[in-house]
Amino acid sequence: MAAVHERVQQALEAKEFQEIAPILDQAELEQNPEADAVWRLLQYCWGRNYAGTWQALTAHQWSPQARPVQPLVEAVVEKTRQRMAKLLAAAYSQVSPAKAALLLGVSEGDAVALAQSLGWEHGPAAPGGAAMLRPREAKPEGAGLDSRAALEQLTQYMVHLEG
């Protein structure tokens, strides 16, 4: 802690006030492994490094003092996995089990099982080709409108915009 105090003093003397917060933040991370684990997790999320995100979510062993955090971590894992499955379904017409496993943070076998539980198909892309996962086609919003109802709705929007 003396080294941190000395670095803060140097920054104050040099009137480099913008340097103080990063020094203190780094000192806090070095003293608190849980804070460091959360910080790394957030960095992976912000950088959209999905493999790193899954590793950070599942690898850290929480201390007994931080056990109340474990249900929160499990909830984040589940919500993130659900979100990634929706993104995969929207972004890909077919995806390899390996790519899905990487993005979902599970093994290939678990990725196939998860995809099938969501109604995706699993089979070869072409005869003799590698097995691929194919998300079921989602109905676009408003897909149930007939042409008359769609025209009426469009007219209402236009009247609102002109008004």
Protein backbone atom coordinates (compact mmCIF):
# COMPACT_ATOMS: atom_id res chain seq x y z
CA MET A 1 0.00 0.00 0.00
CA ALA A 2 2.98 2.29 0.54
CA ALA A 3 3.80 2.09 -3.17
CA VAL A 4 0.27 3.18 -4.03
CA HIS A 5 0.49 6.08 -1.57
CA GLU A 6 3.81 7.14 -3.09
CA ARG A 7 2.43 7.02 -6.65
CA VAL A 8 -0.58 9.11 -5.61
CA GLN A 9 1.70 11.66 -3.94
CA GLN A 10 3.82 11.90 -7.11
CA ALA A 11 0.72 12.44 -9.23
CA LEU A 12 -0.52 15.14 -6.84
CA GLU A 13 2.83 16.92 -6.82
CA ALA A 14 2.99 16.82 -10.63
CA LYS A 15 -0.64 18.06 -10.75
CA GLU A 16 -1.53 15.02 -12.86
CA PHE A 17 -4.91 14.59 -11.22
CA GLN A 18 -6.27 12.38 -14.01
CA GLU A 19 -3.69 9.75 -13.01
CA ILE A 20 -4.98 9.34 -9.45
CA ALA A 21 -8.19 7.38 -10.15
CA PRO A 22 -6.46 4.70 -12.27
CA ILE A 23 -3.80 4.25 -9.55
CA LEU A 24 -6.44 3.80 -6.88
CA ASP A 25 -8.57 1.55 -9.09
CA GLN A 26 -5.58 -0.70 -9.83
CA ALA A 27 -4.75 -0.87 -6.13
CA GLU A 28 -8.32 -1.94 -5.34
CA LEU A 29 -8.22 -4.64 -8.02
CA GLU A 30 -4.91 -5.97 -6.72
CA GLN A 31 -6.29 -6.22 -3.16
CA ASN A 32 -9.68 -7.70 -4.09
CA PRO A 33 -9.65 -10.79 -6.36
CA GLU A 34 -13.45 -10.68 -6.75
CA ALA A 35 -13.35 -7.10 -7.98
CA ASP A 36 -10.56 -8.07 -10.36
CA ALA A 37 -12.62 -11.02 -11.68
CA VAL A 38 -15.66 -8.79 -12.24
CA TRP A 39 -13.49 -6.15 -13.92
CA ARG A 40 -12.03 -8.74 -16.32
CA LEU A 41 -15.51 -10.05 -17.07
CA LEU A 42 -16.76 -6.56 -17.92
CA GLN A 43 -13.75 -5.92 -20.16
CA TYR A 44 -14.51 -9.09 -22.12
CA CYS A 45 -18.18 -8.13 -22.41
CA TRP A 46 -17.40 -4.61 -23.61
CA GLY A 47 -14.90 -5.96 -26.13
CA ARG A 48 -17.39 -8.61 -27.32
CA ASN A 49 -14.80 -11.30 -26.63
CA TYR A 50 -17.31 -14.11 -26.10
CA ALA A 51 -14.79 -16.86 -25.40
CA GLY A 52 -13.17 -14.65 -22.75
CA THR A 53 -16.58 -13.74 -21.32
CA TRP A 54 -17.50 -17.39 -20.81
CA GLN A 55 -14.11 -18.17 -19.32
CA ALA A 56 -14.40 -15.24 -16.90
CA LEU A 57 -17.95 -16.20 -15.93
CA THR A 58 -17.18 -19.81 -15.16
CA ALA A 59 -13.51 -19.91 -14.11
CA HIS A 60 -13.36 -17.76 -10.98
CA GLN A 61 -13.73 -19.53 -7.63
CA TRP A 62 -15.50 -17.11 -5.33
CA SER A 63 -14.25 -16.72 -1.79
CA PRO A 64 -16.56 -17.57 1.15
CA GLN A 65 -17.14 -13.83 1.74
CA ALA A 66 -18.33 -13.43 -1.85
CA ARG A 67 -20.63 -16.49 -1.95
CA PRO A 68 -23.72 -14.26 -2.17
CA VAL A 69 -22.43 -13.23 -5.61
CA GLN A 70 -22.67 -16.79 -6.97
CA PRO A 71 -26.45 -16.71 -7.69
CA LEU A 72 -25.94 -13.44 -9.54
CA VAL A 73 -23.16 -14.98 -11.65
CA GLU A 74 -25.38 -17.99 -12.44
CA ALA A 75 -28.21 -15.65 -13.49
CA VAL A 76 -25.82 -13.69 -15.72
CA VAL A 77 -24.61 -16.94 -17.32
CA GLU A 78 -28.17 -18.05 -18.05
CA LYS A 79 -29.35 -14.67 -19.41
CA THR A 80 -26.20 -14.28 -21.52
CA ARG A 81 -26.63 -17.77 -22.95
CA GLN A 82 -30.28 -17.06 -23.82
CA ARG A 83 -29.34 -13.76 -25.44
CA MET A 84 -26.54 -15.38 -27.45
CA ALA A 85 -28.90 -18.12 -28.66
CA LYS A 86 -31.33 -15.46 -29.91
CA LEU A 87 -28.50 -13.56 -31.60
CA LEU A 88 -27.25 -16.75 -33.26
CA ALA A 89 -30.74 -17.54 -34.53
CA ALA A 90 -31.08 -14.04 -35.96
CA ALA A 91 -27.59 -13.86 -37.47
CA TYR A 92 -27.11 -17.33 -38.97
CA SER A 93 -29.14 -19.49 -41.29
CA GLN A 94 -26.77 -22.30 -40.27
CA VAL A 95 -23.86 -22.46 -37.88
CA SER A 96 -21.35 -25.14 -37.00
CA PRO A 97 -21.68 -26.79 -33.58
CA ALA A 98 -18.11 -25.64 -32.78
CA LYS A 99 -18.95 -21.97 -33.47
CA ALA A 100 -22.21 -22.25 -31.52
CA ALA A 101 -20.35 -23.87 -28.61
CA LEU A 102 -17.80 -21.03 -28.57
CA LEU A 103 -20.50 -18.35 -28.59
CA LEU A 104 -22.74 -20.13 -26.07
CA GLY A 105 -19.95 -21.08 -23.67
CA VAL A 106 -20.67 -24.82 -23.69
CA SER A 107 -19.23 -27.98 -25.22
CA GLU A 108 -20.20 -28.93 -28.78
CA GLY A 109 -22.48 -31.68 -27.51
CA ASP A 110 -24.20 -29.29 -25.14
CA ALA A 111 -24.51 -26.70 -27.93
CA VAL A 112 -26.28 -29.26 -30.12
CA ALA A 113 -28.59 -30.27 -27.24
CA LEU A 114 -29.36 -26.63 -26.40
CA ALA A 115 -30.04 -25.81 -30.05
CA GLN A 116 -32.35 -28.80 -30.44
CA SER A 117 -34.22 -27.80 -27.27
CA LEU A 118 -34.85 -24.44 -28.99
CA GLY A 119 -36.27 -26.21 -32.04
CA TRP A 120 -33.20 -25.94 -34.26
CA GLU A 121 -32.35 -28.67 -36.75
CA HIS A 122 -29.07 -30.58 -36.63
CA GLY A 123 -27.80 -32.30 -39.72
CA PRO A 124 -25.44 -32.10 -42.66
CA ALA A 125 -25.35 -28.84 -44.63
CA ALA A 126 -25.14 -30.85 -47.86
CA PRO A 127 -25.01 -34.57 -48.54
CA GLY A 128 -21.72 -35.76 -47.10
CA GLY A 129 -21.06 -32.33 -45.55
CA ALA A 130 -20.27 -31.42 -41.98
CA ALA A 131 -23.13 -31.34 -39.50
CA MET A 132 -24.60 -27.88 -39.00
CA LEU A 133 -27.19 -26.31 -36.73
CA ARG A 134 -30.04 -24.51 -38.45
CA PRO A 135 -32.18 -22.19 -36.35
CA ARG A 136 -35.87 -22.39 -36.97
CA GLU A 137 -37.17 -19.45 -38.90
CA ALA A 138 -38.68 -16.83 -36.66
CA LYS A 139 -41.84 -15.22 -37.87
CA PRO A 140 -41.31 -11.51 -38.41
CA GLU A 141 -43.40 -9.22 -36.25
CA GLY A 142 -46.70 -8.49 -37.91
CA ALA A 143 -46.48 -11.65 -40.04
CA GLY A 144 -50.11 -12.44 -39.24
CA LEU A 145 -51.45 -9.27 -40.87
CA ASP A 146 -53.33 -9.68 -44.11
CA SER A 147 -52.68 -7.15 -46.86
CA ARG A 148 -55.79 -5.07 -46.05
CA ALA A 149 -54.87 -4.81 -42.36
CA ALA A 150 -51.27 -3.97 -43.26
CA LEU A 151 -52.42 -1.23 -45.66
CA GLU A 152 -54.77 0.16 -43.01
CA GLN A 153 -51.97 0.22 -40.43
CA LEU A 154 -49.62 1.93 -42.90
CA THR A 155 -52.30 4.53 -43.63
CA GLN A 156 -52.68 5.25 -39.91
CA TYR A 157 -48.91 5.77 -39.58
CA MET A 158 -48.87 8.14 -42.55
CA VAL A 159 -51.82 10.18 -41.23
CA HIS A 160 -50.05 10.44 -37.88
CA LEU A 161 -46.80 11.58 -39.52
CA GLU A 162 -48.55 14.21 -41.67
CA GLY A 163 -50.53 15.56 -38.72
